[in-house]
N, C-alpha and C. Protein backbone atom coordinates (compact mmCIF):
# COMPACT_ATOMS: atom_id res chain seq x y z
N MET A 1 53.81 24.37 96.73
CA MET A 1 55.00 23.56 97.03
C MET A 1 55.91 23.48 95.80
N ILE A 2 57.18 23.80 95.97
CA ILE A 2 58.13 23.73 94.87
C ILE A 2 58.58 22.28 94.68
N ILE A 3 58.45 21.79 93.44
CA ILE A 3 58.88 20.43 93.13
C ILE A 3 60.34 20.48 92.69
N LYS A 4 61.22 19.86 93.46
CA LYS A 4 62.64 19.89 93.13
C LYS A 4 62.95 18.85 92.06
N PRO A 5 63.86 19.18 91.14
CA PRO A 5 64.17 18.26 90.05
C PRO A 5 64.87 17.00 90.54
N GLN A 6 64.60 15.89 89.85
CA GLN A 6 65.33 14.66 90.14
C GLN A 6 66.65 14.72 89.38
N ILE A 7 67.73 14.40 90.05
CA ILE A 7 69.06 14.58 89.49
C ILE A 7 69.80 13.25 89.44
N CYS A 8 70.54 13.06 88.37
CA CYS A 8 71.35 11.84 88.23
C CYS A 8 72.83 12.21 88.29
N VAL A 9 73.58 11.42 89.03
CA VAL A 9 75.04 11.58 89.11
C VAL A 9 75.69 10.35 88.49
N ILE A 10 76.42 10.56 87.42
CA ILE A 10 77.13 9.47 86.76
C ILE A 10 78.60 9.54 87.17
N GLY A 11 79.03 8.54 87.90
CA GLY A 11 80.39 8.53 88.45
C GLY A 11 80.34 8.88 89.92
N LEU A 12 80.49 7.88 90.78
CA LEU A 12 80.32 8.09 92.22
C LEU A 12 81.64 8.01 92.97
N GLY A 13 82.68 8.59 92.36
CA GLY A 13 83.94 8.76 93.05
C GLY A 13 83.83 9.87 94.07
N LYS A 14 84.94 10.45 94.47
CA LYS A 14 84.93 11.46 95.53
C LYS A 14 84.03 12.65 95.20
N PHE A 15 84.21 13.23 94.00
CA PHE A 15 83.45 14.42 93.64
C PHE A 15 81.97 14.10 93.42
N GLY A 16 81.69 13.08 92.62
CA GLY A 16 80.31 12.73 92.33
C GLY A 16 79.54 12.31 93.57
N TYR A 17 80.19 11.52 94.42
CA TYR A 17 79.53 11.06 95.65
C TYR A 17 79.21 12.24 96.56
N LYS A 18 80.17 13.14 96.75
CA LYS A 18 79.95 14.30 97.61
C LYS A 18 78.85 15.19 97.05
N PHE A 19 78.82 15.36 95.74
CA PHE A 19 77.77 16.14 95.09
C PHE A 19 76.40 15.52 95.36
N GLY A 20 76.31 14.20 95.21
CA GLY A 20 75.05 13.52 95.45
C GLY A 20 74.59 13.62 96.89
N VAL A 21 75.51 13.45 97.83
CA VAL A 21 75.17 13.56 99.25
C VAL A 21 74.68 14.97 99.58
N SER A 22 75.33 15.97 99.02
CA SER A 22 74.91 17.36 99.27
C SER A 22 73.50 17.59 98.77
N LEU A 23 73.17 17.03 97.61
CA LEU A 23 71.82 17.19 97.06
C LEU A 23 70.78 16.45 97.90
N ILE A 24 71.14 15.28 98.39
CA ILE A 24 70.24 14.54 99.28
C ILE A 24 69.94 15.36 100.52
N ASN A 25 70.97 16.00 101.07
CA ASN A 25 70.78 16.85 102.25
C ASN A 25 69.89 18.04 101.96
N LEU A 26 69.82 18.43 100.68
CA LEU A 26 68.94 19.53 100.27
C LEU A 26 67.57 19.02 99.83
N LYS A 27 67.30 17.74 100.12
CA LYS A 27 65.99 17.13 99.88
C LYS A 27 65.69 16.85 98.40
N HIS A 28 66.72 16.65 97.59
CA HIS A 28 66.52 16.25 96.20
C HIS A 28 66.49 14.73 96.11
N GLN A 29 65.84 14.23 95.07
CA GLN A 29 65.93 12.82 94.72
C GLN A 29 67.15 12.65 93.82
N VAL A 30 68.05 11.74 94.18
CA VAL A 30 69.30 11.59 93.43
C VAL A 30 69.49 10.15 92.99
N ILE A 31 69.68 9.96 91.69
CA ILE A 31 70.01 8.66 91.12
C ILE A 31 71.52 8.60 90.88
N GLY A 32 72.14 7.52 91.26
CA GLY A 32 73.57 7.37 91.05
C GLY A 32 73.87 6.23 90.09
N ILE A 33 74.90 6.42 89.26
CA ILE A 33 75.33 5.39 88.31
C ILE A 33 76.84 5.25 88.39
N ASP A 34 77.32 4.01 88.48
CA ASP A 34 78.77 3.76 88.50
C ASP A 34 78.99 2.31 88.11
N SER A 35 80.19 2.02 87.64
CA SER A 35 80.53 0.63 87.29
C SER A 35 81.41 -0.02 88.34
N ASN A 36 81.77 0.75 89.36
CA ASN A 36 82.64 0.25 90.42
C ASN A 36 81.80 -0.25 91.59
N ARG A 37 81.96 -1.50 91.96
CA ARG A 37 81.12 -2.12 92.99
C ARG A 37 81.28 -1.42 94.34
N ALA A 38 82.50 -1.05 94.71
CA ALA A 38 82.71 -0.38 96.00
C ALA A 38 81.99 0.96 96.04
N ASN A 39 82.06 1.72 94.95
CA ASN A 39 81.35 3.00 94.89
C ASN A 39 79.85 2.80 94.98
N ILE A 40 79.37 1.75 94.33
CA ILE A 40 77.93 1.44 94.36
C ILE A 40 77.48 1.14 95.78
N GLN A 41 78.21 0.29 96.47
CA GLN A 41 77.82 -0.12 97.82
C GLN A 41 77.81 1.07 98.78
N ARG A 42 78.77 1.97 98.64
CA ARG A 42 78.80 3.16 99.50
C ARG A 42 77.60 4.07 99.21
N ALA A 43 77.33 4.29 97.93
CA ALA A 43 76.26 5.22 97.55
C ALA A 43 74.87 4.68 97.87
N GLN A 44 74.71 3.35 97.86
CA GLN A 44 73.40 2.75 98.14
C GLN A 44 72.87 3.12 99.52
N LYS A 45 73.77 3.45 100.43
CA LYS A 45 73.35 3.79 101.79
C LYS A 45 72.77 5.20 101.88
N ILE A 46 73.01 6.02 100.85
CA ILE A 46 72.65 7.43 100.92
C ILE A 46 71.69 7.87 99.81
N LEU A 47 72.01 7.53 98.56
CA LEU A 47 71.26 8.05 97.43
C LEU A 47 69.90 7.36 97.27
N SER A 48 69.02 8.01 96.51
CA SER A 48 67.66 7.50 96.34
C SER A 48 67.64 6.18 95.58
N GLN A 49 68.38 6.12 94.46
CA GLN A 49 68.51 4.90 93.67
C GLN A 49 69.94 4.84 93.13
N VAL A 50 70.47 3.63 93.03
CA VAL A 50 71.83 3.47 92.51
C VAL A 50 71.85 2.30 91.52
N TYR A 51 72.50 2.53 90.37
CA TYR A 51 72.59 1.51 89.34
C TYR A 51 74.05 1.20 89.03
N GLU A 52 74.35 -0.09 88.89
CA GLU A 52 75.68 -0.50 88.45
C GLU A 52 75.63 -0.66 86.94
N ALA A 53 76.29 0.25 86.22
CA ALA A 53 76.20 0.23 84.76
C ALA A 53 77.37 0.99 84.16
N ASP A 54 77.64 0.69 82.88
CA ASP A 54 78.66 1.41 82.12
C ASP A 54 77.97 2.57 81.41
N ALA A 55 78.19 3.78 81.91
CA ALA A 55 77.48 4.95 81.39
C ALA A 55 77.94 5.36 80.00
N SER A 56 79.03 4.77 79.50
CA SER A 56 79.47 5.09 78.15
C SER A 56 78.73 4.26 77.10
N GLN A 57 77.79 3.42 77.57
CA GLN A 57 76.94 2.63 76.68
C GLN A 57 75.55 3.27 76.63
N LYS A 58 75.15 3.72 75.45
CA LYS A 58 73.88 4.43 75.31
C LYS A 58 72.69 3.58 75.76
N GLN A 59 72.74 2.30 75.46
CA GLN A 59 71.64 1.41 75.83
C GLN A 59 71.43 1.38 77.34
N ALA A 60 72.53 1.41 78.08
CA ALA A 60 72.42 1.40 79.55
C ALA A 60 71.73 2.65 80.05
N LEU A 61 72.05 3.79 79.46
CA LEU A 61 71.42 5.05 79.87
C LEU A 61 69.93 5.05 79.53
N GLU A 62 69.60 4.47 78.38
CA GLU A 62 68.19 4.38 77.98
C GLU A 62 67.40 3.48 78.92
N GLN A 63 67.99 2.35 79.28
CA GLN A 63 67.30 1.40 80.16
C GLN A 63 67.05 1.97 81.55
N ILE A 64 67.97 2.78 82.02
CA ILE A 64 67.80 3.41 83.34
C ILE A 64 66.74 4.50 83.28
N GLY A 65 66.50 5.04 82.09
CA GLY A 65 65.46 6.05 81.93
C GLY A 65 65.95 7.48 82.03
N LEU A 66 67.18 7.72 81.60
CA LEU A 66 67.72 9.07 81.73
C LEU A 66 67.07 10.07 80.80
N SER A 67 66.33 9.60 79.82
CA SER A 67 65.61 10.53 78.95
C SER A 67 64.52 11.27 79.71
N GLU A 68 64.17 10.78 80.90
CA GLU A 68 63.14 11.42 81.73
C GLU A 68 63.74 12.33 82.79
N ILE A 69 65.06 12.38 82.90
CA ILE A 69 65.74 13.17 83.93
C ILE A 69 66.10 14.55 83.37
N THR A 70 65.93 15.58 84.18
CA THR A 70 66.19 16.94 83.71
C THR A 70 67.62 17.42 83.98
N HIS A 71 68.29 16.85 84.98
CA HIS A 71 69.63 17.32 85.35
C HIS A 71 70.56 16.11 85.56
N VAL A 72 71.70 16.13 84.88
CA VAL A 72 72.67 15.04 85.03
C VAL A 72 74.07 15.63 85.22
N LEU A 73 74.78 15.12 86.22
CA LEU A 73 76.20 15.45 86.40
C LEU A 73 77.03 14.25 85.98
N VAL A 74 78.00 14.47 85.11
CA VAL A 74 78.92 13.41 84.69
C VAL A 74 80.26 13.65 85.37
N SER A 75 80.67 12.70 86.20
CA SER A 75 81.93 12.83 86.95
C SER A 75 82.63 11.48 86.93
N VAL A 76 83.28 11.19 85.81
CA VAL A 76 83.83 9.84 85.61
C VAL A 76 85.35 9.82 85.67
N GLY A 77 85.91 10.58 86.57
CA GLY A 77 87.35 10.54 86.78
C GLY A 77 88.14 11.16 85.65
N ASP A 78 89.27 10.55 85.31
CA ASP A 78 90.19 11.13 84.32
C ASP A 78 89.97 10.59 82.91
N SER A 79 88.93 9.82 82.70
CA SER A 79 88.70 9.23 81.38
C SER A 79 88.03 10.24 80.46
N ILE A 80 88.83 10.84 79.58
CA ILE A 80 88.29 11.84 78.65
C ILE A 80 87.31 11.21 77.68
N SER A 81 87.65 10.05 77.16
CA SER A 81 86.77 9.40 76.18
C SER A 81 85.44 9.00 76.80
N THR A 82 85.47 8.46 78.02
CA THR A 82 84.22 8.05 78.67
C THR A 82 83.32 9.23 78.95
N SER A 83 83.88 10.32 79.45
CA SER A 83 83.06 11.49 79.75
C SER A 83 82.48 12.09 78.48
N ALA A 84 83.27 12.09 77.39
CA ALA A 84 82.79 12.64 76.12
C ALA A 84 81.68 11.78 75.53
N MET A 85 81.86 10.47 75.54
CA MET A 85 80.83 9.57 75.01
C MET A 85 79.55 9.67 75.82
N THR A 86 79.69 9.68 77.13
CA THR A 86 78.51 9.78 78.00
C THR A 86 77.77 11.08 77.75
N THR A 87 78.50 12.17 77.63
CA THR A 87 77.88 13.47 77.37
C THR A 87 77.14 13.47 76.04
N MET A 88 77.76 12.92 75.02
CA MET A 88 77.13 12.86 73.70
C MET A 88 75.83 12.07 73.73
N TYR A 89 75.84 10.93 74.44
CA TYR A 89 74.63 10.12 74.52
C TYR A 89 73.53 10.82 75.31
N LEU A 90 73.90 11.52 76.37
CA LEU A 90 72.91 12.27 77.14
C LEU A 90 72.26 13.35 76.28
N LYS A 91 73.06 13.97 75.43
CA LYS A 91 72.53 14.99 74.51
C LYS A 91 71.55 14.35 73.54
N GLU A 92 71.90 13.17 73.04
CA GLU A 92 71.02 12.46 72.11
C GLU A 92 69.72 12.04 72.79
N LEU A 93 69.77 11.83 74.10
CA LEU A 93 68.57 11.47 74.86
C LEU A 93 67.78 12.71 75.28
N ASN A 94 68.23 13.88 74.83
CA ASN A 94 67.53 15.15 75.09
C ASN A 94 67.48 15.53 76.57
N VAL A 95 68.52 15.17 77.31
CA VAL A 95 68.62 15.65 78.70
C VAL A 95 68.88 17.16 78.64
N PRO A 96 68.03 17.98 79.26
CA PRO A 96 68.14 19.43 79.10
C PRO A 96 69.29 20.11 79.83
N ASN A 97 69.77 19.51 80.92
CA ASN A 97 70.84 20.14 81.71
C ASN A 97 71.93 19.11 81.99
N ILE A 98 73.04 19.25 81.26
CA ILE A 98 74.15 18.30 81.39
C ILE A 98 75.37 19.03 81.94
N TRP A 99 75.78 18.65 83.15
CA TRP A 99 76.98 19.22 83.77
C TRP A 99 78.07 18.15 83.75
N VAL A 100 79.28 18.52 83.40
CA VAL A 100 80.34 17.53 83.28
C VAL A 100 81.61 18.04 83.96
N LYS A 101 82.24 17.16 84.72
CA LYS A 101 83.53 17.48 85.35
C LYS A 101 84.65 17.22 84.35
N ALA A 102 85.52 18.22 84.19
CA ALA A 102 86.66 18.10 83.28
C ALA A 102 87.96 18.13 84.06
N ILE A 103 89.04 17.70 83.40
CA ILE A 103 90.34 17.69 84.08
C ILE A 103 91.22 18.86 83.66
N ASN A 104 90.90 19.48 82.50
CA ASN A 104 91.67 20.65 82.05
C ASN A 104 90.86 21.40 80.99
N GLU A 105 91.42 22.49 80.47
CA GLU A 105 90.71 23.34 79.52
C GLU A 105 90.44 22.62 78.20
N ASP A 106 91.40 21.83 77.71
CA ASP A 106 91.19 21.11 76.45
C ASP A 106 90.05 20.11 76.59
N HIS A 107 90.03 19.42 77.72
CA HIS A 107 88.94 18.49 78.00
C HIS A 107 87.61 19.24 78.03
N ALA A 108 87.60 20.41 78.65
CA ALA A 108 86.39 21.22 78.75
C ALA A 108 85.88 21.63 77.36
N LYS A 109 86.80 22.01 76.47
CA LYS A 109 86.40 22.40 75.10
C LYS A 109 85.74 21.24 74.38
N LEU A 110 86.32 20.05 74.51
CA LEU A 110 85.75 18.86 73.88
C LEU A 110 84.35 18.58 74.41
N LEU A 111 84.19 18.68 75.73
CA LEU A 111 82.89 18.39 76.34
C LEU A 111 81.82 19.36 75.86
N ARG A 112 82.18 20.62 75.72
CA ARG A 112 81.20 21.61 75.23
C ARG A 112 80.79 21.29 73.79
N LYS A 113 81.75 20.83 72.98
CA LYS A 113 81.45 20.52 71.59
C LYS A 113 80.51 19.33 71.44
N VAL A 114 80.57 18.39 72.38
CA VAL A 114 79.71 17.20 72.28
C VAL A 114 78.40 17.36 73.06
N GLY A 115 78.19 18.54 73.67
CA GLY A 115 76.87 18.78 74.25
C GLY A 115 76.78 19.18 75.70
N ALA A 116 77.90 19.33 76.40
CA ALA A 116 77.83 19.72 77.82
C ALA A 116 77.29 21.15 77.94
N ASP A 117 76.32 21.33 78.84
CA ASP A 117 75.77 22.67 79.08
C ASP A 117 76.63 23.46 80.04
N ASP A 118 77.27 22.78 80.96
CA ASP A 118 78.16 23.44 81.91
C ASP A 118 79.31 22.50 82.22
N VAL A 119 80.52 23.04 82.27
CA VAL A 119 81.71 22.23 82.54
C VAL A 119 82.37 22.74 83.81
N ILE A 120 82.70 21.82 84.70
CA ILE A 120 83.32 22.17 85.98
C ILE A 120 84.72 21.60 86.04
N ILE A 121 85.70 22.44 86.38
CA ILE A 121 87.05 21.96 86.66
C ILE A 121 87.31 22.27 88.13
N PRO A 122 87.07 21.32 89.03
CA PRO A 122 87.11 21.58 90.48
C PRO A 122 88.41 22.21 90.96
N GLU A 123 89.54 21.76 90.42
CA GLU A 123 90.82 22.30 90.87
C GLU A 123 90.95 23.79 90.54
N TYR A 124 90.42 24.20 89.39
CA TYR A 124 90.48 25.61 89.00
C TYR A 124 89.60 26.44 89.93
N ILE A 125 88.42 25.93 90.23
CA ILE A 125 87.50 26.65 91.12
C ILE A 125 88.12 26.83 92.49
N ALA A 126 88.69 25.74 93.03
CA ALA A 126 89.30 25.80 94.37
C ALA A 126 90.49 26.75 94.39
N ALA A 127 91.30 26.72 93.33
CA ALA A 127 92.48 27.59 93.27
C ALA A 127 92.07 29.06 93.21
N ASN A 128 91.05 29.38 92.40
CA ASN A 128 90.58 30.77 92.30
C ASN A 128 90.00 31.25 93.62
N GLN A 129 89.25 30.37 94.30
CA GLN A 129 88.65 30.76 95.57
C GLN A 129 89.73 31.04 96.62
N LEU A 130 90.76 30.21 96.65
CA LEU A 130 91.84 30.41 97.62
C LEU A 130 92.60 31.71 97.32
N ALA A 131 92.87 31.96 96.04
CA ALA A 131 93.56 33.20 95.66
C ALA A 131 92.74 34.43 96.06
N ASP A 132 91.42 34.35 95.84
CA ASP A 132 90.54 35.47 96.22
C ASP A 132 90.58 35.71 97.72
N ARG A 133 90.57 34.62 98.50
CA ARG A 133 90.56 34.76 99.96
C ARG A 133 91.85 35.41 100.47
N ILE A 134 92.95 35.14 99.80
CA ILE A 134 94.22 35.76 100.18
C ILE A 134 94.26 37.22 99.72
N ASP A 135 93.74 37.47 98.51
CA ASP A 135 93.79 38.81 97.93
C ASP A 135 92.87 39.79 98.65
N ILE A 136 91.66 39.33 99.00
CA ILE A 136 90.69 40.19 99.68
C ILE A 136 90.18 39.45 100.92
N PRO A 137 90.73 39.72 102.10
CA PRO A 137 90.27 39.07 103.33
C PRO A 137 88.77 39.29 103.54
N GLY A 138 88.08 38.22 103.92
CA GLY A 138 86.65 38.34 104.18
C GLY A 138 85.78 37.97 103.00
N ILE A 139 86.40 37.68 101.83
CA ILE A 139 85.59 37.32 100.67
C ILE A 139 84.85 36.01 100.94
N ILE A 140 83.59 35.96 100.53
CA ILE A 140 82.78 34.77 100.72
C ILE A 140 82.63 34.00 99.42
N GLN A 141 82.33 34.72 98.33
CA GLN A 141 82.06 34.02 97.07
C GLN A 141 82.23 34.96 95.89
N ARG A 142 82.75 34.41 94.79
CA ARG A 142 82.77 35.12 93.51
C ARG A 142 81.48 34.75 92.78
N MET A 143 80.77 35.72 92.26
CA MET A 143 79.48 35.45 91.64
C MET A 143 79.66 34.80 90.27
N PRO A 144 78.92 33.70 89.99
CA PRO A 144 79.13 32.96 88.75
C PRO A 144 78.72 33.71 87.50
N PHE A 145 77.81 34.71 87.61
CA PHE A 145 77.36 35.41 86.42
C PHE A 145 78.31 36.52 85.99
N ASP A 146 79.28 36.84 86.80
CA ASP A 146 80.24 37.90 86.49
C ASP A 146 81.49 37.65 87.31
N SER A 147 82.60 37.36 86.64
CA SER A 147 83.83 37.00 87.36
C SER A 147 84.34 38.13 88.24
N GLU A 148 83.89 39.37 88.01
CA GLU A 148 84.34 40.50 88.82
C GLU A 148 83.48 40.73 90.06
N MET A 149 82.29 40.14 90.08
CA MET A 149 81.38 40.34 91.20
C MET A 149 81.68 39.35 92.32
N ILE A 150 81.82 39.86 93.54
CA ILE A 150 82.11 39.00 94.68
C ILE A 150 81.26 39.41 95.87
N ILE A 151 81.19 38.53 96.85
CA ILE A 151 80.52 38.82 98.11
C ILE A 151 81.59 38.80 99.20
N ARG A 152 81.58 39.83 100.04
CA ARG A 152 82.61 39.95 101.07
C ARG A 152 81.97 40.19 102.43
N GLU A 153 82.55 39.58 103.45
CA GLU A 153 82.12 39.77 104.84
C GLU A 153 83.06 40.76 105.51
N ILE A 154 82.50 41.82 106.11
CA ILE A 154 83.31 42.90 106.67
C ILE A 154 82.89 43.20 108.10
N THR A 155 83.86 43.33 108.98
CA THR A 155 83.60 43.71 110.38
C THR A 155 83.70 45.23 110.52
N ILE A 156 82.69 45.81 111.15
CA ILE A 156 82.58 47.27 111.25
C ILE A 156 83.51 47.85 112.32
N GLU A 157 84.25 48.90 111.94
CA GLU A 157 85.07 49.68 112.88
C GLU A 157 84.80 51.17 112.65
N LYS A 158 85.34 51.73 111.56
CA LYS A 158 85.19 53.16 111.30
C LYS A 158 83.75 53.56 110.94
N PHE A 159 82.96 52.62 110.45
CA PHE A 159 81.57 52.92 110.10
C PHE A 159 80.65 52.90 111.31
N ALA A 160 81.20 52.64 112.49
CA ALA A 160 80.37 52.54 113.70
C ALA A 160 79.63 53.84 113.96
N GLN A 161 78.39 53.70 114.48
CA GLN A 161 77.52 54.83 114.83
C GLN A 161 76.98 55.55 113.59
N LYS A 162 77.08 54.93 112.43
CA LYS A 162 76.53 55.52 111.21
C LYS A 162 75.43 54.62 110.66
N THR A 163 74.46 55.24 109.98
CA THR A 163 73.41 54.46 109.33
C THR A 163 73.89 54.03 107.95
N LEU A 164 73.17 53.07 107.38
CA LEU A 164 73.51 52.64 106.02
C LEU A 164 73.34 53.78 105.04
N ARG A 165 72.37 54.65 105.31
CA ARG A 165 72.15 55.80 104.45
C ARG A 165 73.36 56.75 104.48
N GLU A 166 73.93 56.94 105.68
CA GLU A 166 75.09 57.82 105.81
C GLU A 166 76.34 57.22 105.16
N ILE A 167 76.49 55.93 105.30
CA ILE A 167 77.64 55.26 104.68
C ILE A 167 77.53 55.32 103.15
N ASP A 168 76.33 55.05 102.64
CA ASP A 168 75.99 55.20 101.22
C ASP A 168 76.97 54.51 100.28
N LEU A 169 77.23 53.24 100.52
CA LEU A 169 78.14 52.50 99.66
C LEU A 169 77.61 52.36 98.23
N THR A 170 76.28 52.38 98.09
CA THR A 170 75.69 52.21 96.77
C THR A 170 76.13 53.31 95.81
N ASN A 171 76.11 54.55 96.28
CA ASN A 171 76.45 55.67 95.40
C ASN A 171 77.94 56.01 95.40
N THR A 172 78.63 55.71 96.49
CA THR A 172 80.06 56.07 96.55
C THR A 172 80.97 55.02 95.93
N LEU A 173 80.63 53.74 96.11
CA LEU A 173 81.50 52.68 95.60
C LEU A 173 80.77 51.66 94.73
N ASN A 174 79.48 51.90 94.50
CA ASN A 174 78.68 50.98 93.69
C ASN A 174 78.65 49.58 94.30
N CYS A 175 78.55 49.53 95.63
CA CYS A 175 78.42 48.27 96.37
C CYS A 175 77.06 48.27 97.08
N GLN A 176 76.65 47.10 97.54
CA GLN A 176 75.37 47.00 98.24
C GLN A 176 75.52 46.11 99.47
N ILE A 177 75.12 46.63 100.64
CA ILE A 177 75.07 45.81 101.85
C ILE A 177 73.79 44.98 101.81
N ILE A 178 73.93 43.66 101.80
CA ILE A 178 72.76 42.80 101.66
C ILE A 178 72.37 42.10 102.96
N ALA A 179 73.22 42.17 103.98
CA ALA A 179 72.88 41.55 105.26
C ALA A 179 73.74 42.15 106.36
N VAL A 180 73.18 42.14 107.58
CA VAL A 180 73.88 42.67 108.75
C VAL A 180 73.75 41.67 109.90
N ARG A 181 74.86 41.40 110.58
CA ARG A 181 74.81 40.59 111.80
C ARG A 181 75.32 41.45 112.94
N LYS A 182 74.43 41.74 113.89
CA LYS A 182 74.81 42.57 115.02
C LYS A 182 75.85 41.85 115.87
N HIS A 183 76.71 42.63 116.52
CA HIS A 183 77.83 42.06 117.26
C HIS A 183 77.40 41.13 118.39
N ASN A 184 76.15 41.30 118.87
CA ASN A 184 75.66 40.48 119.98
C ASN A 184 74.63 39.44 119.51
N GLU A 185 74.57 39.19 118.20
CA GLU A 185 73.62 38.22 117.66
C GLU A 185 74.36 37.15 116.86
N SER A 186 73.71 36.01 116.66
CA SER A 186 74.35 34.90 115.96
C SER A 186 73.76 34.68 114.57
N TYR A 187 72.86 35.56 114.12
CA TYR A 187 72.20 35.38 112.84
C TYR A 187 72.26 36.68 112.03
N TYR A 188 72.10 36.54 110.71
CA TYR A 188 72.11 37.71 109.83
C TYR A 188 70.69 38.23 109.61
N ARG A 189 70.57 39.54 109.49
CA ARG A 189 69.33 40.20 109.09
C ARG A 189 69.50 40.62 107.64
N TYR A 190 68.72 40.00 106.77
CA TYR A 190 68.88 40.27 105.34
C TYR A 190 68.04 41.45 104.90
N ILE A 191 68.48 42.11 103.82
CA ILE A 191 67.85 43.30 103.25
C ILE A 191 67.64 44.35 104.34
N PRO A 192 68.72 44.86 104.92
CA PRO A 192 68.60 45.86 105.99
C PRO A 192 68.04 47.18 105.46
N LYS A 193 67.48 47.97 106.38
CA LYS A 193 66.88 49.26 106.03
C LYS A 193 67.95 50.36 106.02
N ALA A 194 67.70 51.40 105.24
CA ALA A 194 68.67 52.50 105.10
C ALA A 194 68.93 53.21 106.42
N ASP A 195 67.95 53.20 107.33
CA ASP A 195 68.11 53.90 108.61
C ASP A 195 68.69 53.02 109.71
N ASP A 196 69.02 51.78 109.38
CA ASP A 196 69.65 50.90 110.37
C ASP A 196 71.05 51.43 110.71
N THR A 197 71.35 51.47 112.01
CA THR A 197 72.65 51.97 112.47
C THR A 197 73.61 50.82 112.72
N LEU A 198 74.86 51.01 112.30
CA LEU A 198 75.90 50.01 112.52
C LEU A 198 76.71 50.36 113.76
N PHE A 199 77.16 49.32 114.46
CA PHE A 199 77.97 49.52 115.66
C PHE A 199 79.26 48.73 115.52
N GLU A 200 80.26 49.13 116.30
CA GLU A 200 81.55 48.44 116.24
C GLU A 200 81.38 46.96 116.56
N GLY A 201 81.97 46.13 115.72
CA GLY A 201 81.86 44.69 115.90
C GLY A 201 80.75 44.06 115.09
N ASP A 202 79.83 44.87 114.55
CA ASP A 202 78.81 44.34 113.65
C ASP A 202 79.49 43.79 112.39
N ILE A 203 78.86 42.82 111.76
CA ILE A 203 79.39 42.24 110.53
C ILE A 203 78.39 42.47 109.41
N VAL A 204 78.87 42.98 108.27
CA VAL A 204 77.99 43.19 107.12
C VAL A 204 78.47 42.32 105.96
N ILE A 205 77.52 41.90 105.14
CA ILE A 205 77.84 41.19 103.90
C ILE A 205 77.57 42.14 102.75
N VAL A 206 78.58 42.36 101.93
CA VAL A 206 78.51 43.35 100.86
C VAL A 206 78.74 42.67 99.51
N ILE A 207 77.96 43.06 98.51
CA ILE A 207 78.16 42.55 97.15
C ILE A 207 78.62 43.70 96.26
N GLY A 208 79.58 43.43 95.40
CA GLY A 208 80.09 44.45 94.49
C GLY A 208 81.24 43.89 93.68
N THR A 209 81.89 44.73 92.91
CA THR A 209 83.04 44.27 92.13
C THR A 209 84.24 44.11 93.04
N LYS A 210 85.17 43.28 92.61
CA LYS A 210 86.39 43.06 93.39
C LYS A 210 87.13 44.38 93.61
N LYS A 211 87.17 45.23 92.59
CA LYS A 211 87.86 46.52 92.69
C LYS A 211 87.20 47.43 93.71
N SER A 212 85.86 47.50 93.67
CA SER A 212 85.16 48.41 94.58
C SER A 212 85.22 47.92 96.03
N LEU A 213 85.10 46.62 96.24
CA LEU A 213 85.12 46.09 97.61
C LEU A 213 86.51 46.23 98.24
N SER A 214 87.53 46.22 97.41
CA SER A 214 88.89 46.37 97.96
C SER A 214 89.12 47.78 98.50
N LYS A 215 88.27 48.74 98.13
CA LYS A 215 88.41 50.12 98.58
C LYS A 215 87.70 50.40 99.90
N ILE A 216 86.88 49.45 100.35
CA ILE A 216 86.11 49.69 101.57
C ILE A 216 87.03 49.64 102.78
N ASN A 217 86.96 50.67 103.60
CA ASN A 217 87.73 50.73 104.85
C ASN A 217 86.72 50.95 105.97
N PRO A 218 86.17 49.85 106.48
CA PRO A 218 85.01 49.95 107.38
C PRO A 218 85.34 50.36 108.80
């Protein structure tokens, strides 16, 4: 049995609350911290534990026991000083994974200097995803380990009646088909075989660089 990490969310506004709810739905234990009573009352109905506290005070973080938590998200709105102080204290408490929401690039640089392991700027992520969807129809996701790697969903037309071996995207375009959904099925078959035949209307999920996937004419 895989033991999922217990996660703390500091700041239960729109972003932090949604993040916590998503983790609860994935069966994680989630601790929430906020100084706003309305945010606390809303989160108490969903999260595992919720504390009303000022996270920019190191003593409060110590009393809650954050030195025992492995993953913390800091999402405290537009307060640059509060997010920086909270991040610094979490680092001093030896929290191994500190994620912090920033409002811009300068804020992100400051957060990294005081100890953030990962910095998220939600507006930038959303803007890039929307631009990608317009630029390459069918794109599903840009891979976080390489800004050029993306996943794209493609409906089969010209590739119909051909096997994956015959199409050979791996050698011709350096792409890989990782899943196939037959036109008459509602689920994907992952890691398809080279001899699997594609038919018109089938949908494939392909991973590759943005440049290579833009060349596919299925």
